Amino acid sequence: MTDGKSTDITAAIGPELPFLRRYARALTGSQTTGDRYAVATLEAILADRTLFEGDLAPRVALFRAFHAIWSSAGAPVAEGGTDALEARAQVHLSGLTRNTREALLLRTIEEMRFDQIAQIMDITQSEAEELITIAMNEMGRTILGDVMIIEDETIIAMDIQSIVQSMGHHVTGLLAPASRPWRSAASSARTWCLPISSWRTIHRASMRSRIFWASLAISR
């Protein structure tokens, strides 16, 4: 392969690495483990450029190569997490049916389309849809609940509401941080409050990821 094509691959992969690291951590349960497989993926692509399939979107091609490496190693998942909340979240994920964990994470955190998930996991689109349905049903038995969003910016609150609802939760209300009714609502066994104002500076994709992990960590 020419130097020009090598440069093109490098330019295509670079912007996608933060997303791969985030997904790898969520999938393996450890940033250290996730990074190890991310590095192995990059090394494999450097050794064999055909692993980075040019007819796919760069992120899809990179994630597909990562999955091939991770799966060939036995799809390892680290025990627990880096802190108590993450460990609790990983416990819920560990109980999912085989192959549904990665499909669920690709859909909920990375916001991949069904056809993209199918390409990454090397399955059909209908199989990808079925895996996600199974995962959502299994997770729904333990993590779905009532959510109150604490945010004084209406547009931001509505955006977060759409994310929360897409995960299957029921939004009970949108309140400003200065209001006090949300404190009594938080005492409900099935209601949890999202302090979005304190997360405002993070990227929307990171916001979605944080909401997902928070819902897992506090679930029963």
N, C-alpha and C. Protein backbone atom coordinates (compact mmCIF):
# COMPACT_ATOMS: atom_id res chain seq x y z
N MET A 1 0.85 -1.19 0.00
CA MET A 1 0.00 0.00 0.00
C MET A 1 0.88 1.24 0.00
N THR A 2 0.48 2.26 -0.74
CA THR A 2 1.29 3.46 -0.84
C THR A 2 1.22 4.26 0.43
N ASP A 3 2.22 5.18 0.57
CA ASP A 3 2.23 6.04 1.74
C ASP A 3 0.99 6.91 1.79
N GLY A 4 0.49 7.30 0.60
CA GLY A 4 -0.71 8.12 0.55
C GLY A 4 -1.90 7.41 1.15
N LYS A 5 -2.06 6.13 0.83
CA LYS A 5 -3.17 5.36 1.37
C LYS A 5 -3.01 5.13 2.86
N SER A 6 -1.76 4.94 3.30
CA SER A 6 -1.50 4.77 4.73
C SER A 6 -1.89 6.03 5.49
N THR A 7 -1.56 7.18 4.89
CA THR A 7 -1.92 8.45 5.51
C THR A 7 -3.42 8.61 5.58
N ASP A 8 -4.11 8.16 4.52
CA ASP A 8 -5.57 8.25 4.50
C ASP A 8 -6.18 7.43 5.63
N ILE A 9 -5.67 6.23 5.86
CA ILE A 9 -6.18 5.37 6.92
C ILE A 9 -5.93 6.01 8.29
N THR A 10 -4.74 6.55 8.47
CA THR A 10 -4.40 7.21 9.73
C THR A 10 -5.34 8.38 9.99
N ALA A 11 -5.60 9.16 8.96
CA ALA A 11 -6.49 10.31 9.10
C ALA A 11 -7.91 9.87 9.40
N ALA A 12 -8.32 8.74 8.85
CA ALA A 12 -9.68 8.24 9.07
C ALA A 12 -9.84 7.66 10.47
N ILE A 13 -8.81 6.99 10.96
CA ILE A 13 -8.89 6.32 12.26
C ILE A 13 -8.76 7.31 13.42
N GLY A 14 -7.88 8.29 13.28
CA GLY A 14 -7.58 9.21 14.37
C GLY A 14 -8.79 9.77 15.11
N PRO A 15 -9.75 10.36 14.40
CA PRO A 15 -10.91 10.95 15.09
C PRO A 15 -11.80 9.93 15.78
N GLU A 16 -11.68 8.66 15.39
CA GLU A 16 -12.56 7.63 15.95
C GLU A 16 -11.99 6.94 17.19
N LEU A 17 -10.72 7.18 17.49
CA LEU A 17 -10.08 6.48 18.61
C LEU A 17 -10.73 6.76 19.97
N PRO A 18 -11.13 8.01 20.27
CA PRO A 18 -11.79 8.23 21.57
C PRO A 18 -13.07 7.41 21.72
N PHE A 19 -13.80 7.25 20.62
CA PHE A 19 -15.03 6.47 20.66
C PHE A 19 -14.72 4.98 20.85
N LEU A 20 -13.66 4.51 20.19
CA LEU A 20 -13.27 3.11 20.34
C LEU A 20 -12.84 2.84 21.78
N ARG A 21 -12.07 3.75 22.38
CA ARG A 21 -11.61 3.56 23.76
C ARG A 21 -12.80 3.53 24.72
N ARG A 22 -13.77 4.41 24.49
CA ARG A 22 -14.96 4.44 25.36
C ARG A 22 -15.72 3.13 25.25
N TYR A 23 -15.93 2.68 24.02
CA TYR A 23 -16.67 1.44 23.80
C TYR A 23 -15.90 0.24 24.35
N ALA A 24 -14.59 0.22 24.12
CA ALA A 24 -13.77 -0.90 24.59
C ALA A 24 -13.82 -1.01 26.11
N ARG A 25 -13.81 0.13 26.78
CA ARG A 25 -13.89 0.11 28.25
C ARG A 25 -15.25 -0.44 28.69
N ALA A 26 -16.31 0.04 28.06
CA ALA A 26 -17.65 -0.43 28.43
C ALA A 26 -17.81 -1.92 28.17
N LEU A 27 -17.25 -2.37 27.06
CA LEU A 27 -17.40 -3.77 26.67
C LEU A 27 -16.59 -4.71 27.55
N THR A 28 -15.35 -4.33 27.84
CA THR A 28 -14.46 -5.23 28.59
C THR A 28 -14.54 -5.02 30.10
N GLY A 29 -15.12 -3.90 30.53
CA GLY A 29 -15.23 -3.64 31.96
C GLY A 29 -14.00 -3.00 32.57
N SER A 30 -13.04 -2.62 31.75
CA SER A 30 -11.80 -2.03 32.26
C SER A 30 -11.16 -1.18 31.19
N GLN A 31 -10.72 0.03 31.56
CA GLN A 31 -10.04 0.87 30.58
C GLN A 31 -8.72 0.24 30.16
N THR A 32 -8.02 -0.37 31.12
CA THR A 32 -6.74 -1.01 30.81
C THR A 32 -6.93 -2.15 29.81
N THR A 33 -7.91 -3.01 30.08
CA THR A 33 -8.18 -4.12 29.17
C THR A 33 -8.67 -3.61 27.82
N GLY A 34 -9.56 -2.63 27.86
CA GLY A 34 -10.09 -2.08 26.62
C GLY A 34 -9.00 -1.47 25.77
N ASP A 35 -8.10 -0.72 26.40
CA ASP A 35 -7.00 -0.10 25.66
C ASP A 35 -6.06 -1.15 25.06
N ARG A 36 -5.88 -2.24 25.79
CA ARG A 36 -5.00 -3.29 25.27
C ARG A 36 -5.53 -3.85 23.96
N TYR A 37 -6.84 -4.05 23.88
CA TYR A 37 -7.42 -4.58 22.65
C TYR A 37 -7.55 -3.50 21.58
N ALA A 38 -7.68 -2.25 21.99
CA ALA A 38 -7.69 -1.16 21.02
C ALA A 38 -6.32 -1.06 20.35
N VAL A 39 -5.26 -1.16 21.15
CA VAL A 39 -3.90 -1.12 20.61
C VAL A 39 -3.66 -2.32 19.70
N ALA A 40 -4.12 -3.49 20.12
CA ALA A 40 -3.96 -4.69 19.30
C ALA A 40 -4.67 -4.53 17.96
N THR A 41 -5.81 -3.84 17.99
CA THR A 41 -6.55 -3.59 16.75
C THR A 41 -5.76 -2.70 15.81
N LEU A 42 -5.19 -1.64 16.35
CA LEU A 42 -4.39 -0.72 15.52
C LEU A 42 -3.17 -1.43 14.95
N GLU A 43 -2.53 -2.26 15.76
CA GLU A 43 -1.36 -2.99 15.28
C GLU A 43 -1.74 -3.96 14.17
N ALA A 44 -2.90 -4.59 14.32
CA ALA A 44 -3.36 -5.53 13.29
C ALA A 44 -3.66 -4.81 11.98
N ILE A 45 -4.25 -3.62 12.09
CA ILE A 45 -4.56 -2.85 10.89
C ILE A 45 -3.28 -2.40 10.19
N LEU A 46 -2.27 -2.01 10.98
CA LEU A 46 -0.99 -1.60 10.39
C LEU A 46 -0.32 -2.77 9.67
N ALA A 47 -0.51 -3.97 10.22
CA ALA A 47 0.09 -5.16 9.61
C ALA A 47 -0.69 -5.63 8.39
N ASP A 48 -2.00 -5.40 8.41
CA ASP A 48 -2.86 -5.84 7.31
C ASP A 48 -3.94 -4.79 7.09
N ARG A 49 -3.69 -3.91 6.13
CA ARG A 49 -4.60 -2.77 5.90
C ARG A 49 -6.00 -3.22 5.47
N THR A 50 -6.13 -4.44 4.97
CA THR A 50 -7.44 -4.90 4.51
C THR A 50 -8.42 -5.08 5.68
N LEU A 51 -7.91 -5.14 6.92
CA LEU A 51 -8.79 -5.25 8.07
C LEU A 51 -9.64 -4.00 8.24
N PHE A 52 -9.13 -2.87 7.76
CA PHE A 52 -9.87 -1.61 7.81
C PHE A 52 -10.59 -1.47 6.47
N GLU A 53 -11.82 -1.95 6.43
CA GLU A 53 -12.55 -2.05 5.17
C GLU A 53 -12.99 -0.69 4.67
N GLY A 54 -12.45 -0.30 3.52
CA GLY A 54 -12.67 1.03 2.99
C GLY A 54 -14.08 1.33 2.55
N ASP A 55 -14.89 0.29 2.30
CA ASP A 55 -16.26 0.54 1.85
C ASP A 55 -17.21 0.79 3.01
N LEU A 56 -16.70 0.72 4.24
CA LEU A 56 -17.50 1.00 5.43
C LEU A 56 -17.16 2.38 5.97
N ALA A 57 -18.07 2.95 6.75
CA ALA A 57 -17.77 4.21 7.43
C ALA A 57 -16.58 3.97 8.35
N PRO A 58 -15.68 4.95 8.52
CA PRO A 58 -14.47 4.76 9.32
C PRO A 58 -14.72 4.17 10.70
N ARG A 59 -15.71 4.69 11.42
CA ARG A 59 -15.96 4.18 12.77
C ARG A 59 -16.43 2.73 12.72
N VAL A 60 -17.29 2.42 11.78
CA VAL A 60 -17.79 1.05 11.64
C VAL A 60 -16.64 0.11 11.29
N ALA A 61 -15.78 0.53 10.37
CA ALA A 61 -14.64 -0.30 9.96
C ALA A 61 -13.70 -0.55 11.14
N LEU A 62 -13.45 0.50 11.93
CA LEU A 62 -12.56 0.37 13.09
C LEU A 62 -13.16 -0.54 14.15
N PHE A 63 -14.44 -0.35 14.44
CA PHE A 63 -15.11 -1.18 15.44
C PHE A 63 -15.20 -2.63 14.97
N ARG A 64 -15.38 -2.83 13.68
CA ARG A 64 -15.45 -4.19 13.14
C ARG A 64 -14.10 -4.90 13.33
N ALA A 65 -13.02 -4.18 13.05
CA ALA A 65 -11.69 -4.76 13.24
C ALA A 65 -11.45 -5.07 14.72
N PHE A 66 -11.88 -4.15 15.59
CA PHE A 66 -11.73 -4.37 17.03
C PHE A 66 -12.48 -5.62 17.46
N HIS A 67 -13.70 -5.78 16.97
CA HIS A 67 -14.51 -6.94 17.35
C HIS A 67 -13.86 -8.25 16.90
N ALA A 68 -13.26 -8.23 15.74
CA ALA A 68 -12.60 -9.43 15.25
C ALA A 68 -11.45 -9.82 16.18
N ILE A 69 -10.68 -8.82 16.63
CA ILE A 69 -9.55 -9.08 17.53
C ILE A 69 -10.05 -9.54 18.90
N TRP A 70 -11.02 -8.82 19.44
CA TRP A 70 -11.55 -9.13 20.78
C TRP A 70 -12.22 -10.50 20.81
N SER A 71 -13.00 -10.80 19.79
CA SER A 71 -13.70 -12.09 19.73
C SER A 71 -12.72 -13.25 19.57
N SER A 72 -11.68 -13.04 18.77
CA SER A 72 -10.70 -14.11 18.55
C SER A 72 -9.92 -14.43 19.82
N ALA A 73 -9.91 -13.48 20.76
CA ALA A 73 -9.22 -13.69 22.04
C ALA A 73 -10.14 -14.30 23.09
N GLY A 74 -11.37 -14.63 22.68
CA GLY A 74 -12.31 -15.24 23.61
C GLY A 74 -13.28 -14.28 24.24
N ALA A 75 -13.37 -13.04 23.71
CA ALA A 75 -14.28 -12.02 24.21
C ALA A 75 -14.15 -11.83 25.72
N PRO A 76 -12.93 -11.55 26.20
CA PRO A 76 -12.71 -11.42 27.65
C PRO A 76 -13.36 -10.18 28.25
N VAL A 77 -13.82 -10.32 29.48
CA VAL A 77 -14.41 -9.22 30.23
C VAL A 77 -13.77 -9.20 31.61
N ALA A 78 -13.29 -8.02 32.03
CA ALA A 78 -12.62 -7.91 33.33
C ALA A 78 -13.63 -8.06 34.45
N GLU A 79 -13.16 -8.50 35.60
CA GLU A 79 -14.01 -8.63 36.78
C GLU A 79 -14.23 -7.26 37.40
N GLY A 80 -15.50 -6.96 37.75
CA GLY A 80 -15.80 -5.73 38.47
C GLY A 80 -15.54 -4.50 37.64
N GLY A 81 -15.12 -3.40 38.29
CA GLY A 81 -14.87 -2.14 37.61
C GLY A 81 -13.88 -1.33 38.40
N THR A 82 -13.62 -0.12 37.93
CA THR A 82 -12.63 0.71 38.59
C THR A 82 -13.15 1.35 39.87
N ASP A 83 -14.46 1.38 40.05
CA ASP A 83 -15.04 1.89 41.29
C ASP A 83 -16.32 1.12 41.58
N ALA A 84 -16.92 1.41 42.74
CA ALA A 84 -18.08 0.65 43.19
C ALA A 84 -19.26 0.76 42.24
N LEU A 85 -19.54 1.99 41.76
CA LEU A 85 -20.68 2.18 40.86
C LEU A 85 -20.48 1.44 39.55
N GLU A 86 -19.27 1.54 39.00
CA GLU A 86 -19.00 0.86 37.73
C GLU A 86 -19.07 -0.65 37.91
N ALA A 87 -18.60 -1.12 39.05
CA ALA A 87 -18.66 -2.56 39.32
C ALA A 87 -20.10 -3.05 39.35
N ARG A 88 -20.99 -2.26 39.97
CA ARG A 88 -22.41 -2.64 40.01
C ARG A 88 -23.01 -2.65 38.62
N ALA A 89 -22.62 -1.68 37.80
CA ALA A 89 -23.13 -1.61 36.43
C ALA A 89 -22.69 -2.84 35.64
N GLN A 90 -21.43 -3.23 35.81
CA GLN A 90 -20.90 -4.37 35.08
C GLN A 90 -21.58 -5.68 35.50
N VAL A 91 -22.00 -5.75 36.76
CA VAL A 91 -22.70 -6.95 37.23
C VAL A 91 -23.98 -7.16 36.42
N HIS A 92 -24.72 -6.07 36.18
CA HIS A 92 -25.95 -6.17 35.40
C HIS A 92 -25.65 -6.62 33.96
N LEU A 93 -24.60 -6.07 33.37
CA LEU A 93 -24.26 -6.44 32.00
C LEU A 93 -23.79 -7.89 31.90
N SER A 94 -23.13 -8.37 32.94
CA SER A 94 -22.58 -9.72 32.90
C SER A 94 -23.66 -10.79 32.83
N GLY A 95 -24.88 -10.44 33.23
CA GLY A 95 -25.95 -11.43 33.22
C GLY A 95 -26.71 -11.51 31.92
N LEU A 96 -26.30 -10.73 30.93
CA LEU A 96 -27.02 -10.72 29.65
C LEU A 96 -26.71 -11.96 28.82
N THR A 97 -27.65 -12.31 27.95
CA THR A 97 -27.47 -13.42 27.02
C THR A 97 -26.25 -13.17 26.13
N ARG A 98 -25.57 -14.23 25.75
CA ARG A 98 -24.37 -14.14 24.92
C ARG A 98 -24.60 -13.27 23.69
N ASN A 99 -23.65 -12.40 23.40
CA ASN A 99 -23.62 -11.49 22.25
C ASN A 99 -24.55 -10.29 22.37
N THR A 100 -25.42 -10.27 23.36
CA THR A 100 -26.33 -9.13 23.48
C THR A 100 -25.64 -7.93 24.13
N ARG A 101 -24.62 -8.20 24.94
CA ARG A 101 -23.91 -7.12 25.63
C ARG A 101 -23.33 -6.12 24.63
N GLU A 102 -22.57 -6.63 23.64
CA GLU A 102 -21.96 -5.73 22.68
C GLU A 102 -22.99 -5.03 21.80
N ALA A 103 -24.05 -5.76 21.43
CA ALA A 103 -25.09 -5.14 20.61
C ALA A 103 -25.77 -4.01 21.37
N LEU A 104 -26.05 -4.24 22.65
CA LEU A 104 -26.70 -3.22 23.48
C LEU A 104 -25.82 -1.98 23.63
N LEU A 105 -24.53 -2.18 23.89
CA LEU A 105 -23.62 -1.05 24.07
C LEU A 105 -23.45 -0.26 22.77
N LEU A 106 -23.38 -0.96 21.66
CA LEU A 106 -23.25 -0.28 20.38
C LEU A 106 -24.48 0.58 20.09
N ARG A 107 -25.63 0.10 20.51
CA ARG A 107 -26.88 0.81 20.25
C ARG A 107 -27.09 1.97 21.23
N THR A 108 -26.92 1.71 22.51
CA THR A 108 -27.27 2.71 23.52
C THR A 108 -26.20 3.76 23.74
N ILE A 109 -24.94 3.36 23.74
CA ILE A 109 -23.86 4.31 24.00
C ILE A 109 -23.32 4.91 22.71
N GLU A 110 -23.05 4.08 21.73
CA GLU A 110 -22.46 4.57 20.48
C GLU A 110 -23.51 5.03 19.47
N GLU A 111 -24.78 4.76 19.74
CA GLU A 111 -25.89 5.19 18.86
C GLU A 111 -25.73 4.69 17.43
N MET A 112 -25.26 3.46 17.30
CA MET A 112 -25.12 2.85 15.99
C MET A 112 -26.48 2.40 15.45
N ARG A 113 -26.63 2.46 14.13
CA ARG A 113 -27.83 1.94 13.50
C ARG A 113 -27.77 0.41 13.51
N PHE A 114 -28.92 -0.22 13.31
CA PHE A 114 -28.96 -1.68 13.31
C PHE A 114 -28.07 -2.27 12.22
N ASP A 115 -28.07 -1.65 11.04
CA ASP A 115 -27.25 -2.18 9.96
C ASP A 115 -25.76 -2.04 10.27
N GLN A 116 -25.39 -0.97 10.99
CA GLN A 116 -23.99 -0.78 11.37
C GLN A 116 -23.57 -1.80 12.42
N ILE A 117 -24.46 -2.07 13.37
CA ILE A 117 -24.18 -3.08 14.39
C ILE A 117 -23.98 -4.44 13.73
N ALA A 118 -24.81 -4.73 12.74
CA ALA A 118 -24.69 -5.99 12.01
C ALA A 118 -23.33 -6.08 11.31
N GLN A 119 -22.89 -4.99 10.71
CA GLN A 119 -21.59 -4.98 10.03
C GLN A 119 -20.45 -5.17 11.03
N ILE A 120 -20.54 -4.52 12.17
CA ILE A 120 -19.48 -4.62 13.18
C ILE A 120 -19.39 -6.03 13.74
N MET A 121 -20.54 -6.64 14.03
CA MET A 121 -20.56 -7.95 14.66
C MET A 121 -20.56 -9.09 13.65
N ASP A 122 -20.60 -8.74 12.36
CA ASP A 122 -20.61 -9.74 11.28
C ASP A 122 -21.82 -10.67 11.39
N ILE A 123 -22.99 -10.05 11.53
CA ILE A 123 -24.25 -10.78 11.59
C ILE A 123 -25.24 -10.07 10.68
N THR A 124 -26.44 -10.61 10.55
CA THR A 124 -27.45 -9.94 9.74
C THR A 124 -28.12 -8.83 10.55
N GLN A 125 -28.78 -7.92 9.85
CA GLN A 125 -29.45 -6.83 10.55
C GLN A 125 -30.58 -7.36 11.43
N SER A 126 -31.30 -8.35 10.96
CA SER A 126 -32.38 -8.92 11.77
C SER A 126 -31.83 -9.56 13.04
N GLU A 127 -30.66 -10.18 12.94
CA GLU A 127 -30.04 -10.77 14.13
C GLU A 127 -29.62 -9.68 15.11
N ALA A 128 -29.11 -8.57 14.58
CA ALA A 128 -28.72 -7.45 15.43
C ALA A 128 -29.93 -6.90 16.18
N GLU A 129 -31.03 -6.73 15.47
CA GLU A 129 -32.26 -6.23 16.08
C GLU A 129 -32.76 -7.18 17.16
N GLU A 130 -32.66 -8.47 16.89
CA GLU A 130 -33.12 -9.47 17.87
C GLU A 130 -32.25 -9.45 19.13
N LEU A 131 -30.93 -9.32 18.95
CA LEU A 131 -30.02 -9.28 20.10
C LEU A 131 -30.32 -8.08 21.00
N ILE A 132 -30.58 -6.94 20.38
CA ILE A 132 -30.87 -5.74 21.16
C ILE A 132 -32.21 -5.85 21.87
N THR A 133 -33.18 -6.44 21.20
CA THR A 133 -34.48 -6.65 21.84
C THR A 133 -34.34 -7.55 23.06
N ILE A 134 -33.57 -8.62 22.92
CA ILE A 134 -33.34 -9.53 24.04
C ILE A 134 -32.67 -8.80 25.19
N ALA A 135 -31.63 -8.02 24.87
CA ALA A 135 -30.89 -7.30 25.90
C ALA A 135 -31.77 -6.28 26.61
N MET A 136 -32.56 -5.54 25.85
CA MET A 136 -33.43 -4.53 26.44
C MET A 136 -34.48 -5.17 27.35
N ASN A 137 -35.00 -6.31 26.92
CA ASN A 137 -35.98 -7.02 27.76
C ASN A 137 -35.35 -7.51 29.05
N GLU A 138 -34.13 -8.05 28.94
CA GLU A 138 -33.45 -8.56 30.13
C GLU A 138 -33.06 -7.42 31.06
N MET A 139 -32.56 -6.32 30.50
CA MET A 139 -32.17 -5.19 31.32
C MET A 139 -33.39 -4.51 31.92
N GLY A 140 -34.49 -4.52 31.17
CA GLY A 140 -35.69 -3.84 31.62
C GLY A 140 -36.26 -4.40 32.91
N ARG A 141 -35.95 -5.65 33.19
CA ARG A 141 -36.46 -6.25 34.42
C ARG A 141 -35.80 -5.67 35.66
N THR A 142 -34.64 -5.02 35.47
CA THR A 142 -33.92 -4.52 36.64
C THR A 142 -33.61 -3.04 36.63
N ILE A 143 -33.44 -2.42 35.45
CA ILE A 143 -32.96 -1.04 35.47
C ILE A 143 -34.00 0.02 35.13
N LEU A 144 -35.14 -0.36 34.55
CA LEU A 144 -36.08 0.67 34.14
C LEU A 144 -36.80 1.26 35.35
N GLY A 145 -36.98 2.56 35.32
CA GLY A 145 -37.63 3.22 36.44
C GLY A 145 -38.08 4.62 36.08
N ASP A 146 -38.46 5.39 37.09
CA ASP A 146 -38.90 6.76 36.90
C ASP A 146 -37.71 7.70 37.05
N VAL A 147 -37.64 8.68 36.15
CA VAL A 147 -36.51 9.60 36.13
C VAL A 147 -37.00 11.04 36.17
N MET A 148 -36.43 11.84 37.06
CA MET A 148 -36.70 13.26 37.09
C MET A 148 -35.44 13.99 36.64
N ILE A 149 -35.56 14.85 35.65
CA ILE A 149 -34.41 15.55 35.09
C ILE A 149 -34.28 16.93 35.73
N ILE A 150 -33.11 17.20 36.29
CA ILE A 150 -32.85 18.47 36.97
C ILE A 150 -31.99 19.34 36.06
N GLU A 151 -32.60 20.30 35.41
CA GLU A 151 -31.90 21.15 34.44
C GLU A 151 -32.72 22.41 34.18
N ASP A 152 -32.06 23.58 34.19
CA ASP A 152 -32.80 24.82 34.00
C ASP A 152 -32.81 25.30 32.55
N GLU A 153 -32.06 24.64 31.66
CA GLU A 153 -32.09 24.98 30.24
C GLU A 153 -33.08 24.04 29.54
N THR A 154 -34.19 24.60 29.06
CA THR A 154 -35.27 23.79 28.50
C THR A 154 -34.82 22.92 27.33
N ILE A 155 -34.04 23.48 26.41
CA ILE A 155 -33.61 22.73 25.24
C ILE A 155 -32.74 21.54 25.65
N ILE A 156 -31.81 21.79 26.58
CA ILE A 156 -30.95 20.71 27.06
C ILE A 156 -31.78 19.64 27.75
N ALA A 157 -32.73 20.08 28.58
CA ALA A 157 -33.57 19.14 29.32
C ALA A 157 -34.38 18.26 28.36
N MET A 158 -34.90 18.86 27.30
CA MET A 158 -35.69 18.09 26.33
C MET A 158 -34.82 17.10 25.57
N ASP A 159 -33.58 17.50 25.28
CA ASP A 159 -32.65 16.60 24.60
C ASP A 159 -32.36 15.39 25.48
N ILE A 160 -32.09 15.66 26.77
CA ILE A 160 -31.82 14.57 27.71
C ILE A 160 -33.05 13.70 27.90
N GLN A 161 -34.22 14.33 27.89
CA GLN A 161 -35.45 13.56 28.02
C GLN A 161 -35.58 12.53 26.90
N SER A 162 -35.23 12.93 25.68
CA SER A 162 -35.32 12.00 24.55
C SER A 162 -34.34 10.84 24.72
N ILE A 163 -33.15 11.13 25.26
CA ILE A 163 -32.16 10.07 25.49
C ILE A 163 -32.67 9.09 26.54
N VAL A 164 -33.17 9.64 27.65
CA VAL A 164 -33.65 8.80 28.75
C VAL A 164 -34.82 7.93 28.30
N GLN A 165 -35.75 8.52 27.56
CA GLN A 165 -36.91 7.76 27.10
C GLN A 165 -36.51 6.69 26.09
N SER A 166 -35.49 6.97 25.27
CA SER A 166 -35.04 5.97 24.30
C SER A 166 -34.45 4.76 24.98
N MET A 167 -34.03 4.92 26.24
CA MET A 167 -33.49 3.81 27.02
C MET A 167 -34.58 3.03 27.75
N GLY A 168 -35.82 3.51 27.61
CA GLY A 168 -36.93 2.79 28.20
C GLY A 168 -37.42 3.32 29.53
N HIS A 169 -36.77 4.38 30.05
CA HIS A 169 -37.18 4.95 31.33
C HIS A 169 -38.41 5.85 31.15
N HIS A 170 -39.10 6.11 32.26
CA HIS A 170 -40.24 7.01 32.26
C HIS A 170 -39.82 8.32 32.92
N VAL A 171 -39.93 9.42 32.19
CA VAL A 171 -39.56 10.73 32.73
C VAL A 171 -40.74 11.31 33.49
N THR A 172 -40.56 11.55 34.78
CA THR A 172 -41.65 12.05 35.62
C THR A 172 -41.74 13.57 35.62
N GLY A 173 -40.66 14.25 35.23
CA GLY A 173 -40.72 15.70 35.20
C GLY A 173 -39.39 16.34 34.90
N LEU A 174 -39.45 17.64 34.56
CA LEU A 174 -38.26 18.45 34.30
C LEU A 174 -38.29 19.60 35.29
N LEU A 175 -37.29 19.67 36.17
CA LEU A 175 -37.26 20.71 37.19
C LEU A 175 -35.95 21.46 37.17
N ALA A 176 -35.99 22.72 37.60
CA ALA A 176 -34.78 23.53 37.70
C ALA A 176 -34.02 23.15 38.96
N PRO A 177 -32.70 23.30 38.96
CA PRO A 177 -31.90 22.95 40.13
C PRO A 177 -32.32 23.68 41.40
N ALA A 178 -32.85 24.90 41.24
CA ALA A 178 -33.21 25.70 42.41
C ALA A 178 -34.48 25.20 43.09
N SER A 179 -35.28 24.42 42.39
CA SER A 179 -36.53 23.95 42.98
C SER A 179 -36.26 22.82 43.96
N ARG A 180 -37.17 22.65 44.91
CA ARG A 180 -36.97 21.65 45.96
C ARG A 180 -37.83 20.39 45.83
N PRO A 181 -38.91 20.41 45.04
CA PRO A 181 -39.76 19.21 44.98
C PRO A 181 -39.02 17.95 44.57
N TRP A 182 -37.93 18.10 43.79
CA TRP A 182 -37.22 16.91 43.31
C TRP A 182 -36.57 16.15 44.44
N ARG A 183 -36.30 16.82 45.56
CA ARG A 183 -35.67 16.12 46.69
C ARG A 183 -36.60 15.08 47.29
N SER A 184 -37.89 15.41 47.37
CA SER A 184 -38.84 14.44 47.91
C SER A 184 -39.08 13.33 46.90
N ALA A 185 -39.06 13.69 45.60
CA ALA A 185 -39.25 12.66 44.57
C ALA A 185 -38.12 11.66 44.60
N ALA A 186 -36.92 12.14 44.91
CA ALA A 186 -35.75 11.27 44.92
C ALA A 186 -35.83 10.20 46.00
N SER A 187 -36.70 10.42 46.98
CA SER A 187 -36.82 9.44 48.05
C SER A 187 -37.65 8.24 47.63
N SER A 188 -38.32 8.35 46.47
CA SER A 188 -39.10 7.24 45.96
C SER A 188 -38.19 6.09 45.59
N ALA A 189 -38.63 4.87 45.84
CA ALA A 189 -37.80 3.69 45.58
C ALA A 189 -37.50 3.52 44.09
N ARG A 190 -38.38 4.06 43.23
CA ARG A 190 -38.20 3.86 41.79
C ARG A 190 -37.91 5.15 41.05
N THR A 191 -37.61 6.22 41.78
CA THR A 191 -37.32 7.49 41.12
C THR A 191 -35.88 7.90 41.37
N TRP A 192 -35.17 8.26 40.31
CA TRP A 192 -33.82 8.79 40.49
C TRP A 192 -33.69 10.08 39.71
N CYS A 193 -32.87 10.99 40.21
CA CYS A 193 -32.76 12.32 39.64
C CYS A 193 -31.44 12.49 38.90
N LEU A 194 -31.52 13.11 37.73
CA LEU A 194 -30.33 13.37 36.93
C LEU A 194 -29.92 14.83 37.09
N PRO A 195 -28.79 15.11 37.75
CA PRO A 195 -28.32 16.49 37.92
C PRO A 195 -27.60 16.97 36.67
N ILE A 196 -28.35 17.16 35.59
CA ILE A 196 -27.76 17.47 34.29
C ILE A 196 -26.93 18.75 34.32
N SER A 197 -27.32 19.72 35.15
CA SER A 197 -26.60 20.99 35.19
C SER A 197 -25.12 20.80 35.47
N SER A 198 -24.80 19.83 36.31
CA SER A 198 -23.40 19.60 36.67
C SER A 198 -22.64 18.86 35.57
N TRP A 199 -23.36 18.35 34.55
CA TRP A 199 -22.73 17.62 33.45
C TRP A 199 -22.71 18.44 32.17
N ARG A 200 -23.14 19.68 32.22
CA ARG A 200 -23.44 20.45 31.02
C ARG A 200 -22.25 20.60 30.08
N THR A 201 -21.04 20.59 30.61
CA THR A 201 -19.87 20.86 29.77
C THR A 201 -19.40 19.65 28.98
N ILE A 202 -19.96 18.46 29.24
CA ILE A 202 -19.48 17.28 28.53
C ILE A 202 -20.24 17.10 27.22
N HIS A 203 -19.62 16.38 26.29
CA HIS A 203 -20.19 16.14 24.96
C HIS A 203 -21.47 15.32 25.07
N ARG A 204 -22.40 15.52 24.12
CA ARG A 204 -23.67 14.82 24.16
C ARG A 204 -23.49 13.31 24.20
N ALA A 205 -22.54 12.79 23.41
CA ALA A 205 -22.30 11.35 23.40
C ALA A 205 -21.84 10.87 24.76
N SER A 206 -20.99 11.68 25.42
CA SER A 206 -20.54 11.32 26.76
C SER A 206 -21.69 11.42 27.75
N MET A 207 -22.59 12.38 27.53
CA MET A 207 -23.77 12.51 28.38
C MET A 207 -24.62 11.25 28.30
N ARG A 208 -24.82 10.76 27.09
CA ARG A 208 -25.61 9.55 26.90
C ARG A 208 -24.95 8.37 27.62
N SER A 209 -23.63 8.28 27.48
CA SER A 209 -22.90 7.21 28.13
C SER A 209 -23.04 7.31 29.64
N ARG A 210 -22.93 8.53 30.18
CA ARG A 210 -23.01 8.71 31.63
C ARG A 210 -24.40 8.34 32.15
N ILE A 211 -25.44 8.71 31.40
CA ILE A 211 -26.80 8.36 31.81
C ILE A 211 -26.98 6.85 31.82
N PHE A 212 -26.45 6.19 30.80
CA PHE A 212 -26.58 4.74 30.71
C PHE A 212 -25.92 4.06 31.91
N TRP A 213 -24.68 4.46 32.23
CA TRP A 213 -23.97 3.83 33.34
C TRP A 213 -24.61 4.18 34.68
N ALA A 214 -25.12 5.40 34.80
CA ALA A 214 -25.77 5.79 36.05
C ALA A 214 -27.02 4.94 36.29
N SER A 215 -27.79 4.71 35.23
CA SER A 215 -29.01 3.93 35.38
C SER A 215 -28.70 2.49 35.76
N LEU A 216 -27.59 1.96 35.25
CA LEU A 216 -27.18 0.61 35.62
C LEU A 216 -26.71 0.55 37.06
N ALA A 217 -25.93 1.55 37.45
CA ALA A 217 -25.31 1.53 38.77
C ALA A 217 -26.32 1.64 39.91
N ILE A 218 -27.39 2.41 39.70
CA ILE A 218 -28.34 2.62 40.80
C ILE A 218 -29.52 1.67 40.74
N SER A 219 -29.57 0.83 39.70
CA SER A 219 -30.71 -0.07 39.55
C SER A 219 -30.71 -1.13 40.64
N ARG A 220 -31.87 -1.72 40.83
CA ARG A 220 -32.02 -2.70 41.90
C ARG A 220 -31.45 -4.05 41.50
